[in-house]
Every structure is written in C-alpha cells, then in structure tokens.
Amino acid sequence: TGFILRLPIWGQPPDQNCFDDSIYWEVPEEEEEN
C-alpha cells in the first residue's frame, strides 16, 4: 500500500505543508492572521 500511495497522482503534500490544515481546508481568517 505504501508503494501505491507514493505514486505522484495521489498528490502527497510537500514537506513544508505537512501538519497544516490550510492546505486542504478553508481556515478562518482570524486564525490565519493570528
């Protein structure tokens, strides 16, 4: 399964965007500003 998930077609997030909701979610502006 890991090798299948490594295929680039599934859009794995880049390192700098890991652990961050804003890459996949609309995050409230107040949170982003803070």
All heavy atoms as atom14 arrays in JSON, in Angstrom:
{
  "sequence": "TGFILRLPIWGQPPDQNCFDDSIYWEVPEEEEEN",
  "atom14_mask": [
    [1, 1, 1, 1, 1, 1, 1, 0, 0, 0, 0, 0, 0, 0],
    [1, 1, 1, 1, 0, 0, 0, 0, 0, 0, 0, 0, 0, 0],
    [1, 1, 1, 1, 1, 1, 1, 1, 1, 1, 1, 0, 0, 0],
    [1, 1, 1, 1, 1, 1, 1, 1, 0, 0, 0, 0, 0, 0],
    [1, 1, 1, 1, 1, 1, 1, 1, 0, 0, 0, 0, 0, 0],
    [1, 1, 1, 1, 1, 1, 1, 1, 1, 1, 1, 0, 0, 0],
    [1, 1, 1, 1, 1, 1, 1, 1, 0, 0, 0, 0, 0, 0],
    [1, 1, 1, 1, 1, 1, 1, 0, 0, 0, 0, 0, 0, 0],
    [1, 1, 1, 1, 1, 1, 1, 1, 0, 0, 0, 0, 0, 0],
    [1, 1, 1, 1, 1, 1, 1, 1, 1, 1, 1, 1, 1, 1],
    [1, 1, 1, 1, 0, 0, 0, 0, 0, 0, 0, 0, 0, 0],
    [1, 1, 1, 1, 1, 1, 1, 1, 1, 0, 0, 0, 0, 0],
    [1, 1, 1, 1, 1, 1, 1, 0, 0, 0, 0, 0, 0, 0],
    [1, 1, 1, 1, 1, 1, 1, 0, 0, 0, 0, 0, 0, 0],
    [1, 1, 1, 1, 1, 1, 1, 1, 0, 0, 0, 0, 0, 0],
    [1, 1, 1, 1, 1, 1, 1, 1, 1, 0, 0, 0, 0, 0],
    [1, 1, 1, 1, 1, 1, 1, 1, 0, 0, 0, 0, 0, 0],
    [1, 1, 1, 1, 1, 1, 0, 0, 0, 0, 0, 0, 0, 0],
    [1, 1, 1, 1, 1, 1, 1, 1, 1, 1, 1, 0, 0, 0],
    [1, 1, 1, 1, 1, 1, 1, 1, 0, 0, 0, 0, 0, 0],
    [1, 1, 1, 1, 1, 1, 1, 1, 0, 0, 0, 0, 0, 0],
    [1, 1, 1, 1, 1, 1, 0, 0, 0, 0, 0, 0, 0, 0],
    [1, 1, 1, 1, 1, 1, 1, 1, 0, 0, 0, 0, 0, 0],
    [1, 1, 1, 1, 1, 1, 1, 1, 1, 1, 1, 1, 0, 0],
    [1, 1, 1, 1, 1, 1, 1, 1, 1, 1, 1, 1, 1, 1],
    [1, 1, 1, 1, 1, 1, 1, 1, 1, 0, 0, 0, 0, 0],
    [1, 1, 1, 1, 1, 1, 1, 0, 0, 0, 0, 0, 0, 0],
    [1, 1, 1, 1, 1, 1, 1, 0, 0, 0, 0, 0, 0, 0],
    [1, 1, 1, 1, 1, 1, 1, 1, 1, 0, 0, 0, 0, 0],
    [1, 1, 1, 1, 1, 1, 1, 1, 1, 0, 0, 0, 0, 0],
    [1, 1, 1, 1, 1, 1, 1, 1, 1, 0, 0, 0, 0, 0],
    [1, 1, 1, 1, 1, 1, 1, 1, 1, 0, 0, 0, 0, 0],
    [1, 1, 1, 1, 1, 1, 1, 1, 1, 0, 0, 0, 0, 0],
    [1, 1, 1, 1, 1, 1, 1, 1, 0, 0, 0, 0, 0, 0]
  ],
  "atom14_positions": [
    [[0.83, -1.21, 0.0], [0.0, 0.0, 0.0], [0.86, 1.25, 0.0], [0.56, 2.23, -0.71], [-0.93, 0.01, 1.23], [-1.77, -1.15, 1.17], [-1.79, 1.26, 1.27], [0.0, 0.0, 0.0], [0.0, 0.0, 0.0], [0.0, 0.0, 0.0], [0.0, 0.0, 0.0], [0.0, 0.0, 0.0], [0.0, 0.0, 0.0], [0.0, 0.0, 0.0]],
    [[1.94, 1.24, 0.78], [2.84, 2.39, 0.82], [3.42, 2.73, -0.54], [3.47, 3.91, -0.94], [0.0, 0.0, 0.0], [0.0, 0.0, 0.0], [0.0, 0.0, 0.0], [0.0, 0.0, 0.0], [0.0, 0.0, 0.0], [0.0, 0.0, 0.0], [0.0, 0.0, 0.0], [0.0, 0.0, 0.0], [0.0, 0.0, 0.0], [0.0, 0.0, 0.0]],
    [[3.83, 1.71, -1.29], [4.38, 1.95, -2.62], [3.32, 2.5, -3.57], [3.6, 3.37, -4.41], [5.0, 0.67, -3.19], [6.39, 0.4, -2.68], [6.65, -0.69, -1.86], [7.44, 1.24, -3.0], [7.93, -0.93, -1.37], [8.73, 1.02, -2.54], [8.98, -0.08, -1.73], [0.0, 0.0, 0.0], [0.0, 0.0, 0.0], [0.0, 0.0, 0.0]],
    [[2.09, 2.02, -3.42], [1.0, 2.54, -4.26], [0.72, 4.01, -3.91], [0.53, 4.85, -4.79], [-0.28, 1.69, -4.08], [-0.05, 0.29, -4.66], [-1.49, 2.36, -4.73], [-1.17, -0.7, -4.37], [0.0, 0.0, 0.0], [0.0, 0.0, 0.0], [0.0, 0.0, 0.0], [0.0, 0.0, 0.0], [0.0, 0.0, 0.0], [0.0, 0.0, 0.0]],
    [[0.74, 4.33, -2.61], [0.47, 5.71, -2.18], [1.59, 6.67, -2.55], [1.38, 7.89, -2.57], [0.23, 5.75, -0.67], [-0.98, 4.98, -0.13], [-1.15, 5.23, 1.36], [-2.25, 5.34, -0.87], [0.0, 0.0, 0.0], [0.0, 0.0, 0.0], [0.0, 0.0, 0.0], [0.0, 0.0, 0.0], [0.0, 0.0, 0.0], [0.0, 0.0, 0.0]],
    [[2.77, 6.15, -2.84], [3.89, 7.01, -3.25], [3.74, 7.53, -4.67], [4.44, 8.46, -5.06], [5.21, 6.25, -3.13], [5.77, 6.24, -1.73], [7.06, 5.47, -1.62], [8.12, 6.01, -2.45], [9.39, 5.55, -2.44], [9.71, 4.55, -1.64], [10.3, 6.07, -3.2], [0.0, 0.0, 0.0], [0.0, 0.0, 0.0], [0.0, 0.0, 0.0]],
    [[2.84, 6.92, -5.43], [2.65, 7.39, -6.81], [2.24, 8.87, -6.79], [1.36, 9.27, -6.01], [1.57, 6.56, -7.5], [1.89, 5.06, -7.68], [0.67, 4.32, -8.24], [3.08, 4.88, -8.61], [0.0, 0.0, 0.0], [0.0, 0.0, 0.0], [0.0, 0.0, 0.0], [0.0, 0.0, 0.0], [0.0, 0.0, 0.0], [0.0, 0.0, 0.0]],
    [[2.85, 9.69, -7.63], [2.59, 11.14, -7.58], [1.15, 11.54, -7.89], [0.73, 12.65, -7.56], [3.56, 11.7, -8.63], [3.95, 10.54, -9.49], [3.87, 9.33, -8.63], [0.0, 0.0, 0.0], [0.0, 0.0, 0.0], [0.0, 0.0, 0.0], [0.0, 0.0, 0.0], [0.0, 0.0, 0.0], [0.0, 0.0, 0.0], [0.0, 0.0, 0.0]],
    [[0.37, 10.64, -8.5], [-1.0, 11.0, -8.88], [-1.9, 11.28, -7.68], [-2.94, 11.93, -7.82], [-1.65, 9.9, -9.76], [-1.67, 8.56, -9.01], [-0.95, 9.77, -11.09], [-2.48, 7.47, -9.72], [0.0, 0.0, 0.0], [0.0, 0.0, 0.0], [0.0, 0.0, 0.0], [0.0, 0.0, 0.0], [0.0, 0.0, 0.0], [0.0, 0.0, 0.0]],
    [[-1.52, 10.81, -6.48], [-2.37, 11.0, -5.31], [-2.12, 12.32, -4.6], [-2.79, 12.64, -3.63], [-2.19, 9.85, -4.32], [-2.29, 8.48, -4.92], [-1.36, 7.48, -4.85], [-3.38, 7.94, -5.68], [-1.8, 6.37, -5.53], [-3.04, 6.62, -6.05], [-4.61, 8.45, -6.11], [-3.88, 5.81, -6.81], [-5.45, 7.65, -6.86], [-5.09, 6.34, -7.21]],
    [[-1.13, 13.07, -5.05], [-0.92, 14.41, -4.51], [-0.49, 14.49, -3.07], [-1.09, 15.21, -2.27], [0.0, 0.0, 0.0], [0.0, 0.0, 0.0], [0.0, 0.0, 0.0], [0.0, 0.0, 0.0], [0.0, 0.0, 0.0], [0.0, 0.0, 0.0], [0.0, 0.0, 0.0], [0.0, 0.0, 0.0], [0.0, 0.0, 0.0], [0.0, 0.0, 0.0]],
    [[0.55, 13.76, -2.71], [1.08, 13.84, -1.35], [1.58, 15.25, -1.07], [2.28, 15.83, -1.9], [2.22, 12.84, -1.18], [2.79, 12.79, 0.23], [3.69, 11.57, 0.44], [3.29, 10.46, 0.13], [4.87, 11.8, 0.95], [0.0, 0.0, 0.0], [0.0, 0.0, 0.0], [0.0, 0.0, 0.0], [0.0, 0.0, 0.0], [0.0, 0.0, 0.0]],
    [[1.23, 15.85, 0.07], [1.65, 17.23, 0.34], [3.17, 17.35, 0.5], [3.81, 16.44, 1.03], [0.94, 17.56, 1.66], [0.71, 16.24, 2.31], [0.47, 15.27, 1.18], [0.0, 0.0, 0.0], [0.0, 0.0, 0.0], [0.0, 0.0, 0.0], [0.0, 0.0, 0.0], [0.0, 0.0, 0.0], [0.0, 0.0, 0.0], [0.0, 0.0, 0.0]],
    [[3.74, 18.45, 0.06], [5.19, 18.67, 0.25], [5.52, 18.85, 1.72], [4.65, 19.18, 2.53], [5.46, 19.94, -0.55], [4.14, 20.63, -0.67], [3.1, 19.57, -0.67], [0.0, 0.0, 0.0], [0.0, 0.0, 0.0], [0.0, 0.0, 0.0], [0.0, 0.0, 0.0], [0.0, 0.0, 0.0], [0.0, 0.0, 0.0], [0.0, 0.0, 0.0]],
    [[6.79, 18.64, 2.05], [7.22, 18.69, 3.45], [6.77, 19.96, 4.16], [6.3, 19.92, 5.3], [8.75, 18.57, 3.55], [9.24, 17.17, 3.21], [8.39, 16.28, 3.02], [10.47, 16.98, 3.11], [0.0, 0.0, 0.0], [0.0, 0.0, 0.0], [0.0, 0.0, 0.0], [0.0, 0.0, 0.0], [0.0, 0.0, 0.0], [0.0, 0.0, 0.0]],
    [[6.93, 21.1, 3.49], [6.63, 22.37, 4.16], [5.16, 22.56, 4.48], [4.79, 23.38, 5.32], [7.14, 23.56, 3.33], [6.43, 23.75, 2.0], [7.11, 23.02, 0.85], [7.81, 22.01, 1.08], [6.95, 23.53, -0.37], [0.0, 0.0, 0.0], [0.0, 0.0, 0.0], [0.0, 0.0, 0.0], [0.0, 0.0, 0.0], [0.0, 0.0, 0.0]],
    [[4.29, 21.8, 3.82], [2.85, 21.92, 4.06], [2.29, 20.81, 4.95], [1.06, 20.7, 5.09], [2.1, 21.94, 2.74], [2.41, 23.16, 1.9], [3.1, 23.07, 0.9], [1.93, 24.31, 2.33], [0.0, 0.0, 0.0], [0.0, 0.0, 0.0], [0.0, 0.0, 0.0], [0.0, 0.0, 0.0], [0.0, 0.0, 0.0], [0.0, 0.0, 0.0]],
    [[3.14, 19.98, 5.51], [2.67, 18.92, 6.4], [2.12, 19.51, 7.7], [2.51, 20.61, 8.11], [3.8, 17.94, 6.71], [4.21, 16.84, 5.34], [0.0, 0.0, 0.0], [0.0, 0.0, 0.0], [0.0, 0.0, 0.0], [0.0, 0.0, 0.0], [0.0, 0.0, 0.0], [0.0, 0.0, 0.0], [0.0, 0.0, 0.0], [0.0, 0.0, 0.0]],
    [[1.23, 18.78, 8.33], [0.67, 19.16, 9.63], [-0.01, 20.52, 9.61], [-0.01, 21.25, 10.6], [1.76, 19.14, 10.73], [2.62, 17.92, 10.72], [3.95, 17.98, 10.31], [2.1, 16.69, 11.09], [4.74, 16.84, 10.29], [2.89, 15.56, 11.08], [4.21, 15.63, 10.67], [0.0, 0.0, 0.0], [0.0, 0.0, 0.0], [0.0, 0.0, 0.0]],
    [[-0.6, 20.88, 8.47], [-1.21, 22.2, 8.32], [-2.57, 22.06, 7.62], [-2.64, 21.6, 6.48], [-0.29, 23.1, 7.51], [-0.74, 24.56, 7.51], [-1.91, 24.82, 7.87], [0.07, 25.43, 7.16], [0.0, 0.0, 0.0], [0.0, 0.0, 0.0], [0.0, 0.0, 0.0], [0.0, 0.0, 0.0], [0.0, 0.0, 0.0], [0.0, 0.0, 0.0]],
    [[-3.62, 22.47, 8.32], [-4.98, 22.36, 7.75], [-5.17, 23.2, 6.5], [-5.96, 22.83, 5.62], [-6.01, 22.83, 8.79], [-6.39, 21.74, 9.77], [-6.29, 20.56, 9.4], [-6.78, 22.06, 10.9], [0.0, 0.0, 0.0], [0.0, 0.0, 0.0], [0.0, 0.0, 0.0], [0.0, 0.0, 0.0], [0.0, 0.0, 0.0], [0.0, 0.0, 0.0]],
    [[-4.5, 24.33, 6.42], [-4.81, 25.29, 5.36], [-4.55, 24.76, 3.95], [-5.05, 25.33, 2.98], [-4.03, 26.59, 5.57], [-2.64, 26.35, 5.48], [0.0, 0.0, 0.0], [0.0, 0.0, 0.0], [0.0, 0.0, 0.0], [0.0, 0.0, 0.0], [0.0, 0.0, 0.0], [0.0, 0.0, 0.0], [0.0, 0.0, 0.0], [0.0, 0.0, 0.0]],
    [[-3.79, 23.67, 3.82], [-3.54, 23.1, 2.51], [-4.79, 22.42, 1.95], [-5.0, 22.36, 0.73], [-2.35, 22.12, 2.56], [-1.99, 21.62, 1.17], [-2.63, 20.95, 3.47], [-0.75, 20.74, 1.14], [0.0, 0.0, 0.0], [0.0, 0.0, 0.0], [0.0, 0.0, 0.0], [0.0, 0.0, 0.0], [0.0, 0.0, 0.0], [0.0, 0.0, 0.0]],
    [[-5.67, 21.92, 2.83], [-6.87, 21.2, 2.38], [-8.18, 21.79, 2.86], [-9.24, 21.35, 2.47], [-6.79, 19.73, 2.83], [-5.63, 18.97, 2.24], [-4.69, 18.37, 3.06], [-5.47, 18.87, 0.86], [-3.61, 17.68, 2.51], [-4.39, 18.2, 0.31], [-3.47, 17.6, 1.14], [-2.41, 16.93, 0.6], [0.0, 0.0, 0.0], [0.0, 0.0, 0.0]],
    [[-8.12, 22.77, 3.77], [-9.34, 23.31, 4.36], [-9.37, 24.83, 4.25], [-8.33, 25.49, 4.24], [-9.42, 22.95, 5.86], [-9.53, 21.49, 6.14], [-8.51, 20.6, 6.23], [-10.74, 20.75, 6.36], [-9.0, 19.34, 6.5], [-10.37, 19.4, 6.58], [-12.09, 21.08, 6.4], [-11.29, 18.4, 6.84], [-13.02, 20.09, 6.66], [-12.62, 18.76, 6.88]],
    [[-10.6, 25.37, 4.21], [-10.78, 26.81, 4.38], [-10.64, 27.08, 5.87], [-11.48, 26.67, 6.67], [-12.16, 27.23, 3.89], [-12.34, 27.16, 2.38], [-11.58, 28.24, 1.64], [-11.06, 29.17, 2.32], [-11.49, 28.17, 0.41], [0.0, 0.0, 0.0], [0.0, 0.0, 0.0], [0.0, 0.0, 0.0], [0.0, 0.0, 0.0], [0.0, 0.0, 0.0]],
    [[-9.58, 27.77, 6.24], [-9.33, 28.06, 7.66], [-9.81, 29.48, 7.96], [-9.56, 30.39, 7.16], [-7.82, 27.92, 7.98], [-7.53, 28.27, 9.43], [-7.35, 26.5, 7.67], [0.0, 0.0, 0.0], [0.0, 0.0, 0.0], [0.0, 0.0, 0.0], [0.0, 0.0, 0.0], [0.0, 0.0, 0.0], [0.0, 0.0, 0.0], [0.0, 0.0, 0.0]],
    [[-10.51, 29.7, 9.05], [-10.98, 31.06, 9.39], [-9.86, 32.08, 9.32], [-8.75, 31.82, 9.79], [-11.52, 30.9, 10.82], [-11.92, 29.47, 10.91], [-10.94, 28.71, 10.06], [0.0, 0.0, 0.0], [0.0, 0.0, 0.0], [0.0, 0.0, 0.0], [0.0, 0.0, 0.0], [0.0, 0.0, 0.0], [0.0, 0.0, 0.0], [0.0, 0.0, 0.0]],
    [[-10.16, 33.25, 8.75], [-9.14, 34.28, 8.54], [-8.49, 34.7, 9.85], [-7.31, 34.97, 9.91], [-9.76, 35.51, 7.87], [-10.15, 35.27, 6.42], [-10.78, 36.5, 5.8], [-10.6, 37.6, 6.37], [-11.47, 36.36, 4.78], [0.0, 0.0, 0.0], [0.0, 0.0, 0.0], [0.0, 0.0, 0.0], [0.0, 0.0, 0.0], [0.0, 0.0, 0.0]],
    [[-9.28, 34.77, 10.9], [-8.76, 35.18, 12.2], [-7.62, 34.28, 12.63], [-6.6, 34.75, 13.13], [-9.9, 35.13, 13.21], [-9.57, 35.84, 14.52], [-10.77, 35.83, 15.46], [-11.89, 36.15, 15.0], [-10.58, 35.48, 16.62], [0.0, 0.0, 0.0], [0.0, 0.0, 0.0], [0.0, 0.0, 0.0], [0.0, 0.0, 0.0], [0.0, 0.0, 0.0]],
    [[-7.8, 32.97, 12.44], [-6.75, 32.01, 12.8], [-5.5, 32.26, 11.98], [-4.39, 32.28, 12.49], [-7.24, 30.58, 12.56], [-8.25, 30.08, 13.57], [-7.61, 29.75, 14.9], [-6.42, 29.37, 14.92], [-8.29, 29.9, 15.93], [0.0, 0.0, 0.0], [0.0, 0.0, 0.0], [0.0, 0.0, 0.0], [0.0, 0.0, 0.0], [0.0, 0.0, 0.0]],
    [[-5.69, 32.46, 10.66], [-4.53, 32.68, 9.79], [-3.79, 33.95, 10.18], [-2.58, 34.0, 10.2], [-4.99, 32.74, 8.33], [-5.45, 31.39, 7.79], [-5.81, 31.48, 6.31], [-6.19, 32.57, 5.86], [-5.69, 30.45, 5.64], [0.0, 0.0, 0.0], [0.0, 0.0, 0.0], [0.0, 0.0, 0.0], [0.0, 0.0, 0.0], [0.0, 0.0, 0.0]],
    [[-4.57, 35.02, 10.49], [-3.95, 36.28, 10.87], [-3.17, 36.13, 12.17], [-2.07, 36.67, 12.32], [-5.02, 37.36, 11.03], [-5.6, 37.82, 9.69], [-6.82, 38.69, 9.88], [-7.15, 39.0, 11.05], [-7.46, 39.05, 8.86], [0.0, 0.0, 0.0], [0.0, 0.0, 0.0], [0.0, 0.0, 0.0], [0.0, 0.0, 0.0], [0.0, 0.0, 0.0]],
    [[-3.74, 35.39, 13.13], [-3.04, 35.15, 14.39], [-1.73, 34.42, 14.17], [-0.71, 34.75, 14.76], [-3.93, 34.36, 15.36], [-5.06, 35.19, 15.92], [-4.99, 36.43, 15.87], [-6.09, 34.54, 16.44], [0.0, 0.0, 0.0], [0.0, 0.0, 0.0], [0.0, 0.0, 0.0], [0.0, 0.0, 0.0], [0.0, 0.0, 0.0], [0.0, 0.0, 0.0]]
  ]
}
